[in-house]
Amino acid sequence: MYEKLVSYAAKQLELDASQITRDSTFESLGIDSLDIVEMVMDLETELGVELELEDQKITTFGEMADFIESKLN
């Protein structure tokens, strides 16, 4: 899942994939809340799962990947 997130960010948000690590925060990469919402909506459609982030404190790519994986299991 982590690789899928990095690939998405590199393609859709025009980021350099080599600069993204599991510990990279969305803020440090210039990803704003609208970008996160769009990413989550795209992933929900692609994966066929509902991702409710409202109660979650997710700030890094690693945390997002772990959260999504927990919803898939």
PDB file of N, CA and C in Angstrom:
ATOM      1  N   MET A   1       0.819  -1.190   0.000  1.00  0.00           N
ATOM      2  CA  MET A   1       0.000   0.000   0.000  1.00  0.00           C
ATOM      3  C   MET A   1       0.866   1.258   0.000  1.00  0.00           C
ATOM      4  N   TYR A   2       1.954   1.205   0.729  1.00  0.00           N
ATOM      5  CA  TYR A   2       2.855   2.362   0.787  1.00  0.00           C
ATOM      6  C   TYR A   2       3.338   2.735  -0.612  1.00  0.00           C
ATOM      7  N   GLU A   3       3.732   1.729  -1.391  1.00  0.00           N
ATOM      8  CA  GLU A   3       4.215   1.989  -2.743  1.00  0.00           C
ATOM      9  C   GLU A   3       3.127   2.611  -3.610  1.00  0.00           C
ATOM     10  N   LYS A   4       1.885   2.172  -3.418  1.00  0.00           N
ATOM     11  CA  LYS A   4       0.755   2.725  -4.171  1.00  0.00           C
ATOM     12  C   LYS A   4       0.565   4.200  -3.825  1.00  0.00           C
ATOM     13  N   LEU A   5       0.698   4.552  -2.552  1.00  0.00           N
ATOM     14  CA  LEU A   5       0.569   5.948  -2.135  1.00  0.00           C
ATOM     15  C   LEU A   5       1.676   6.812  -2.730  1.00  0.00           C
ATOM     16  N   VAL A   6       2.889   6.297  -2.706  1.00  0.00           N
ATOM     17  CA  VAL A   6       4.010   7.048  -3.272  1.00  0.00           C
ATOM     18  C   VAL A   6       3.816   7.238  -4.769  1.00  0.00           C
ATOM     19  N   SER A   7       3.389   6.196  -5.444  1.00  0.00           N
ATOM     20  CA  SER A   7       3.146   6.284  -6.879  1.00  0.00           C
ATOM     21  C   SER A   7       2.059   7.305  -7.176  1.00  0.00           C
ATOM     22  N   TYR A   8       0.990   7.280  -6.394  1.00  0.00           N
ATOM     23  CA  TYR A   8      -0.092   8.242  -6.567  1.00  0.00           C
ATOM     24  C   TYR A   8       0.421   9.667  -6.379  1.00  0.00           C
ATOM     25  N   ALA A   9       1.153   9.899  -5.301  1.00  0.00           N
ATOM     26  CA  ALA A   9       1.651  11.248  -5.003  1.00  0.00           C
ATOM     27  C   ALA A   9       2.593  11.728  -6.095  1.00  0.00           C
ATOM     28  N   ALA A  10       3.436  10.845  -6.580  1.00  0.00           N
ATOM     29  CA  ALA A  10       4.385  11.230  -7.623  1.00  0.00           C
ATOM     30  C   ALA A  10       3.647  11.614  -8.907  1.00  0.00           C
ATOM     31  N   LYS A  11       2.629  10.833  -9.252  1.00  0.00           N
ATOM     32  CA  LYS A  11       1.914  11.071 -10.505  1.00  0.00           C
ATOM     33  C   LYS A  11       0.910  12.219 -10.388  1.00  0.00           C
ATOM     34  N   GLN A  12       0.012  12.130  -9.427  1.00  0.00           N
ATOM     35  CA  GLN A  12      -1.089  13.087  -9.327  1.00  0.00           C
ATOM     36  C   GLN A  12      -0.685  14.425  -8.712  1.00  0.00           C
ATOM     37  N   LEU A  13       0.265  14.397  -7.794  1.00  0.00           N
ATOM     38  CA  LEU A  13       0.654  15.619  -7.093  1.00  0.00           C
ATOM     39  C   LEU A  13       1.987  16.164  -7.590  1.00  0.00           C
ATOM     40  N   GLU A  14       2.536  15.482  -8.594  1.00  0.00           N
ATOM     41  CA  GLU A  14       3.789  15.901  -9.228  1.00  0.00           C
ATOM     42  C   GLU A  14       4.927  16.056  -8.218  1.00  0.00           C
ATOM     43  N   LEU A  15       5.080  15.025  -7.382  1.00  0.00           N
ATOM     44  CA  LEU A  15       6.171  15.000  -6.409  1.00  0.00           C
ATOM     45  C   LEU A  15       7.238  14.026  -6.870  1.00  0.00           C
ATOM     46  N   ASP A  16       8.448  14.208  -6.375  1.00  0.00           N
ATOM     47  CA  ASP A  16       9.553  13.306  -6.665  1.00  0.00           C
ATOM     48  C   ASP A  16       9.443  12.111  -5.723  1.00  0.00           C
ATOM     49  N   ALA A  17       9.157  10.932  -6.271  1.00  0.00           N
ATOM     50  CA  ALA A  17       8.954   9.734  -5.458  1.00  0.00           C
ATOM     51  C   ALA A  17      10.154   9.421  -4.573  1.00  0.00           C
ATOM     52  N   SER A  18      11.350   9.773  -5.025  1.00  0.00           N
ATOM     53  CA  SER A  18      12.547   9.470  -4.242  1.00  0.00           C
ATOM     54  C   SER A  18      12.633  10.310  -2.964  1.00  0.00           C
ATOM     55  N   GLN A  19      11.867  11.387  -2.879  1.00  0.00           N
ATOM     56  CA  GLN A  19      11.871  12.231  -1.684  1.00  0.00           C
ATOM     57  C   GLN A  19      10.838  11.797  -0.652  1.00  0.00           C
ATOM     58  N   ILE A  20       9.987  10.845  -1.007  1.00  0.00           N
ATOM     59  CA  ILE A  20       8.918  10.406  -0.111  1.00  0.00           C
ATOM     60  C   ILE A  20       9.368   9.171   0.652  1.00  0.00           C
ATOM     61  N   THR A  21       9.287   9.252   1.973  1.00  0.00           N
ATOM     62  CA  THR A  21       9.588   8.113   2.838  1.00  0.00           C
ATOM     63  C   THR A  21       8.353   7.810   3.675  1.00  0.00           C
ATOM     64  N   ARG A  22       8.384   6.706   4.404  1.00  0.00           N
ATOM     65  CA  ARG A  22       7.261   6.369   5.295  1.00  0.00           C
ATOM     66  C   ARG A  22       7.062   7.456   6.352  1.00  0.00           C
ATOM     67  N   ASP A  23       8.137   8.156   6.708  1.00  0.00           N
ATOM     68  CA  ASP A  23       8.060   9.185   7.745  1.00  0.00           C
ATOM     69  C   ASP A  23       7.785  10.582   7.184  1.00  0.00           C
ATOM     70  N   SER A  24       7.695  10.712   5.869  1.00  0.00           N
ATOM     71  CA  SER A  24       7.411  12.018   5.267  1.00  0.00           C
ATOM     72  C   SER A  24       6.015  12.468   5.673  1.00  0.00           C
ATOM     73  N   THR A  25       5.932  13.696   6.180  1.00  0.00           N
ATOM     74  CA  THR A  25       4.609  14.235   6.489  1.00  0.00           C
ATOM     75  C   THR A  25       4.027  14.857   5.231  1.00  0.00           C
ATOM     76  N   PHE A  26       2.715  14.870   5.189  1.00  0.00           N
ATOM     77  CA  PHE A  26       2.045  15.495   4.051  1.00  0.00           C
ATOM     78  C   PHE A  26       2.420  16.971   3.993  1.00  0.00           C
ATOM     79  N   GLU A  27       2.460  17.601   5.150  1.00  0.00           N
ATOM     80  CA  GLU A  27       2.788  19.028   5.223  1.00  0.00           C
ATOM     81  C   GLU A  27       4.184  19.319   4.679  1.00  0.00           C
ATOM     82  N   SER A  28       5.153  18.474   5.033  1.00  0.00           N
ATOM     83  CA  SER A  28       6.534  18.724   4.594  1.00  0.00           C
ATOM     84  C   SER A  28       6.685  18.630   3.083  1.00  0.00           C
ATOM     85  N   LEU A  29       5.759  17.924   2.432  1.00  0.00           N
ATOM     86  CA  LEU A  29       5.804  17.762   0.983  1.00  0.00           C
ATOM     87  C   LEU A  29       4.869  18.727   0.264  1.00  0.00           C
ATOM     88  N   GLY A  30       4.240  19.614   1.026  1.00  0.00           N
ATOM     89  CA  GLY A  30       3.355  20.598   0.426  1.00  0.00           C
ATOM     90  C   GLY A  30       1.993  20.052   0.043  1.00  0.00           C
ATOM     91  N   ILE A  31       1.600  18.946   0.660  1.00  0.00           N
ATOM     92  CA  ILE A  31       0.301  18.341   0.379  1.00  0.00           C
ATOM     93  C   ILE A  31      -0.706  18.926   1.363  1.00  0.00           C
ATOM     94  N   ASP A  32      -1.714  19.602   0.819  1.00  0.00           N
ATOM     95  CA  ASP A  32      -2.696  20.239   1.693  1.00  0.00           C
ATOM     96  C   ASP A  32      -3.908  19.330   1.908  1.00  0.00           C
ATOM     97  N   SER A  33      -4.846  19.799   2.714  1.00  0.00           N
ATOM     98  CA  SER A  33      -6.002  18.969   3.080  1.00  0.00           C
ATOM     99  C   SER A  33      -6.852  18.607   1.860  1.00  0.00           C
ATOM    100  N   LEU A  34      -6.959  19.495   0.892  1.00  0.00           N
ATOM    101  CA  LEU A  34      -7.720  19.184  -0.321  1.00  0.00           C
ATOM    102  C   LEU A  34      -7.051  18.053  -1.099  1.00  0.00           C
ATOM    103  N   ASP A  35      -5.720  18.094  -1.196  1.00  0.00           N
ATOM    104  CA  ASP A  35      -4.982  17.015  -1.872  1.00  0.00           C
ATOM    105  C   ASP A  35      -5.230  15.680  -1.170  1.00  0.00           C
ATOM    106  N   ILE A  36      -5.245  15.696   0.156  1.00  0.00           N
ATOM    107  CA  ILE A  36      -5.463  14.459   0.926  1.00  0.00           C
ATOM    108  C   ILE A  36      -6.866  13.928   0.674  1.00  0.00           C
ATOM    109  N   VAL A  37      -7.856  14.805   0.689  1.00  0.00           N
ATOM    110  CA  VAL A  37      -9.234  14.382   0.427  1.00  0.00           C
ATOM    111  C   VAL A  37      -9.347  13.766  -0.958  1.00  0.00           C
ATOM    112  N   GLU A  38      -8.754  14.388  -1.958  1.00  0.00           N
ATOM    113  CA  GLU A  38      -8.797  13.850  -3.315  1.00  0.00           C
ATOM    114  C   GLU A  38      -8.100  12.493  -3.393  1.00  0.00           C
ATOM    115  N   MET A  39      -6.966  12.361  -2.717  1.00  0.00           N
ATOM    116  CA  MET A  39      -6.237  11.105  -2.714  1.00  0.00           C
ATOM    117  C   MET A  39      -7.085  10.005  -2.073  1.00  0.00           C
ATOM    118  N   VAL A  40      -7.699  10.304  -0.943  1.00  0.00           N
ATOM    119  CA  VAL A  40      -8.528   9.323  -0.250  1.00  0.00           C
ATOM    120  C   VAL A  40      -9.718   8.918  -1.117  1.00  0.00           C
ATOM    121  N   MET A  41     -10.358   9.875  -1.750  1.00  0.00           N
ATOM    122  CA  MET A  41     -11.501   9.560  -2.613  1.00  0.00           C
ATOM    123  C   MET A  41     -11.085   8.669  -3.785  1.00  0.00           C
ATOM    124  N   ASP A  42      -9.956   8.976  -4.395  1.00  0.00           N
ATOM    125  CA  ASP A  42      -9.458   8.153  -5.501  1.00  0.00           C
ATOM    126  C   ASP A  42      -9.144   6.741  -5.024  1.00  0.00           C
ATOM    127  N   LEU A  43      -8.516   6.631  -3.859  1.00  0.00           N
ATOM    128  CA  LEU A  43      -8.165   5.310  -3.321  1.00  0.00           C
ATOM    129  C   LEU A  43      -9.411   4.521  -2.934  1.00  0.00           C
ATOM    130  N   GLU A  44     -10.415   5.189  -2.391  1.00  0.00           N
ATOM    131  CA  GLU A  44     -11.673   4.508  -2.065  1.00  0.00           C
ATOM    132  C   GLU A  44     -12.278   3.883  -3.322  1.00  0.00           C
ATOM    133  N   THR A  45     -12.287   4.647  -4.402  1.00  0.00           N
ATOM    134  CA  THR A  45     -12.838   4.157  -5.664  1.00  0.00           C
ATOM    135  C   THR A  45     -12.015   2.991  -6.194  1.00  0.00           C
ATOM    136  N   GLU A  46     -10.708   3.153  -6.195  1.00  0.00           N
ATOM    137  CA  GLU A  46      -9.819   2.122  -6.737  1.00  0.00           C
ATOM    138  C   GLU A  46      -9.857   0.838  -5.917  1.00  0.00           C
ATOM    139  N   LEU A  47      -9.902   0.965  -4.592  1.00  0.00           N
ATOM    140  CA  LEU A  47      -9.817  -0.204  -3.713  1.00  0.00           C
ATOM    141  C   LEU A  47     -11.175  -0.760  -3.309  1.00  0.00           C
ATOM    142  N   GLY A  48     -12.237   0.004  -3.560  1.00  0.00           N
ATOM    143  CA  GLY A  48     -13.572  -0.459  -3.195  1.00  0.00           C
ATOM    144  C   GLY A  48     -13.795  -0.542  -1.701  1.00  0.00           C
ATOM    145  N   VAL A  49     -13.202   0.400  -0.972  1.00  0.00           N
ATOM    146  CA  VAL A  49     -13.333   0.418   0.485  1.00  0.00           C
ATOM    147  C   VAL A  49     -13.585   1.851   0.937  1.00  0.00           C
ATOM    148  N   GLU A  50     -14.337   1.999   2.021  1.00  0.00           N
ATOM    149  CA  GLU A  50     -14.594   3.329   2.550  1.00  0.00           C
ATOM    150  C   GLU A  50     -13.554   3.666   3.608  1.00  0.00           C
ATOM    151  N   LEU A  51     -12.916   4.802   3.444  1.00  0.00           N
ATOM    152  CA  LEU A  51     -11.861   5.237   4.365  1.00  0.00           C
ATOM    153  C   LEU A  51     -12.329   6.473   5.115  1.00  0.00           C
ATOM    154  N   GLU A  52     -12.714   6.288   6.364  1.00  0.00           N
ATOM    155  CA  GLU A  52     -13.169   7.402   7.199  1.00  0.00           C
ATOM    156  C   GLU A  52     -11.980   7.960   7.960  1.00  0.00           C
ATOM    157  N   LEU A  53     -11.495   9.113   7.560  1.00  0.00           N
ATOM    158  CA  LEU A  53     -10.325   9.713   8.205  1.00  0.00           C
ATOM    159  C   LEU A  53     -10.684  10.736   9.278  1.00  0.00           C
ATOM    160  N   GLU A  54     -11.968  11.029   9.451  1.00  0.00           N
ATOM    161  CA  GLU A  54     -12.376  12.107  10.340  1.00  0.00           C
ATOM    162  C   GLU A  54     -11.821  11.979  11.751  1.00  0.00           C
ATOM    163  N   ASP A  55     -11.788  10.772  12.292  1.00  0.00           N
ATOM    164  CA  ASP A  55     -11.324  10.571  13.663  1.00  0.00           C
ATOM    165  C   ASP A  55      -9.853  10.179  13.741  1.00  0.00           C
ATOM    166  N   GLN A  56      -9.190  10.143  12.616  1.00  0.00           N
ATOM    167  CA  GLN A  56      -7.807   9.688  12.560  1.00  0.00           C
ATOM    168  C   GLN A  56      -6.834  10.864  12.566  1.00  0.00           C
ATOM    169  N   LYS A  57      -5.707  10.665  13.216  1.00  0.00           N
ATOM    170  CA  LYS A  57      -4.619  11.642  13.194  1.00  0.00           C
ATOM    171  C   LYS A  57      -3.521  11.061  12.310  1.00  0.00           C
ATOM    172  N   ILE A  58      -3.673  11.211  11.022  1.00  0.00           N
ATOM    173  CA  ILE A  58      -2.716  10.655  10.070  1.00  0.00           C
ATOM    174  C   ILE A  58      -1.936  11.810   9.463  1.00  0.00           C
ATOM    175  N   THR A  59      -0.620  11.777   9.662  1.00  0.00           N
ATOM    176  CA  THR A  59       0.202  12.882   9.169  1.00  0.00           C
ATOM    177  C   THR A  59       1.319  12.437   8.241  1.00  0.00           C
ATOM    178  N   THR A  60       1.595  11.125   8.179  1.00  0.00           N
ATOM    179  CA  THR A  60       2.686  10.639   7.342  1.00  0.00           C
ATOM    180  C   THR A  60       2.191   9.609   6.334  1.00  0.00           C
ATOM    181  N   PHE A  61       3.009   9.374   5.322  1.00  0.00           N
ATOM    182  CA  PHE A  61       2.680   8.359   4.319  1.00  0.00           C
ATOM    183  C   PHE A  61       2.607   6.976   4.952  1.00  0.00           C
ATOM    184  N   GLY A  62       3.492   6.682   5.886  1.00  0.00           N
ATOM    185  CA  GLY A  62       3.481   5.387   6.556  1.00  0.00           C
ATOM    186  C   GLY A  62       2.213   5.169   7.357  1.00  0.00           C
ATOM    187  N   GLU A  63       1.778   6.192   8.079  1.00  0.00           N
ATOM    188  CA  GLU A  63       0.544   6.089   8.850  1.00  0.00           C
ATOM    189  C   GLU A  63      -0.657   5.874   7.930  1.00  0.00           C
ATOM    190  N   MET A  64      -0.678   6.581   6.808  1.00  0.00           N
ATOM    191  CA  MET A  64      -1.777   6.432   5.849  1.00  0.00           C
ATOM    192  C   MET A  64      -1.791   5.018   5.272  1.00  0.00           C
ATOM    193  N   ALA A  65      -0.621   4.506   4.900  1.00  0.00           N
ATOM    194  CA  ALA A  65      -0.540   3.149   4.341  1.00  0.00           C
ATOM    195  C   ALA A  65      -1.020   2.124   5.362  1.00  0.00           C
ATOM    196  N   ASP A  66      -0.586   2.251   6.609  1.00  0.00           N
ATOM    197  CA  ASP A  66      -1.000   1.318   7.649  1.00  0.00           C
ATOM    198  C   ASP A  66      -2.508   1.384   7.889  1.00  0.00           C
ATOM    199  N   PHE A  67      -3.068   2.600   7.890  1.00  0.00           N
ATOM    200  CA  PHE A  67      -4.498   2.777   8.091  1.00  0.00           C
ATOM    201  C   PHE A  67      -5.289   2.106   6.970  1.00  0.00           C
ATOM    202  N   ILE A  68      -4.878   2.329   5.731  1.00  0.00           N
ATOM    203  CA  ILE A  68      -5.588   1.746   4.588  1.00  0.00           C
ATOM    204  C   ILE A  68      -5.503   0.221   4.631  1.00  0.00           C
ATOM    205  N   GLU A  69      -4.318  -0.300   4.943  1.00  0.00           N
ATOM    206  CA  GLU A  69      -4.157  -1.750   5.036  1.00  0.00           C
ATOM    207  C   GLU A  69      -5.066  -2.339   6.108  1.00  0.00           C
ATOM    208  N   SER A  70      -5.253  -1.618   7.218  1.00  0.00           N
ATOM    209  CA  SER A  70      -6.134  -2.117   8.278  1.00  0.00           C
ATOM    210  C   SER A  70      -7.581  -2.162   7.809  1.00  0.00           C
ATOM    211  N   LYS A  71      -7.969  -1.284   6.906  1.00  0.00           N
ATOM    212  CA  LYS A  71      -9.331  -1.267   6.377  1.00  0.00           C
ATOM    213  C   LYS A  71      -9.539  -2.372   5.332  1.00  0.00           C
ATOM    214  N   LEU A  72      -8.474  -2.806   4.707  1.00  0.00           N
ATOM    215  CA  LEU A  72      -8.573  -3.839   3.688  1.00  0.00           C
ATOM    216  C   LEU A  72      -8.635  -5.245   4.289  1.00  0.00           C
ATOM    217  N   ASN A  73      -8.212  -5.376   5.522  1.00  0.00           N
ATOM    218  CA  ASN A  73      -8.185  -6.700   6.175  1.00  0.00           C
ATOM    219  C   ASN A  73      -9.430  -6.960   6.979  1.00  0.00           C
TER     220      ASN A  73
END
